[in-house]
Amino acid sequence: MSDETQVTVRDVPEESVFVIEVDGRRAGRVDYRIDGDRMVFTHTEVSEEFSGRGLAGKLAKHALDDAVERGLVIVPRCPFIAAYAKRHEEYEGFLEEA
């Protein structure tokens, strides 16, 4: 990605998804559902065309930070989100107990 590439991450609550866009094109998504005081992450996907650019990590960080800001418990059912949260200790106190 060049310095001029525009990457944005946003929540689309009506679809229960966080999306990441590169220059206005949807490049990936994190699916979730709200269950009371919990945000359950079910799937993460980045289009093959955009793989290898660190977009999944940016997407995961944004989604997890949003859950924390909203005071929700993080429930990582998606293996990628679970692994990301485990590697980043700032989410430790926000993860659902196993």
Foldseek 3Di string as FASTA:
>chain_A
DDPPWDWDWDADVVQQWIFIDIPNHTFWIWHWDDDPQAIETADIDGDPVPPPPCPSVVRLVVVLVVSVVVRGAYHYNYPVNVVSCVVDVVCVVRHDDD
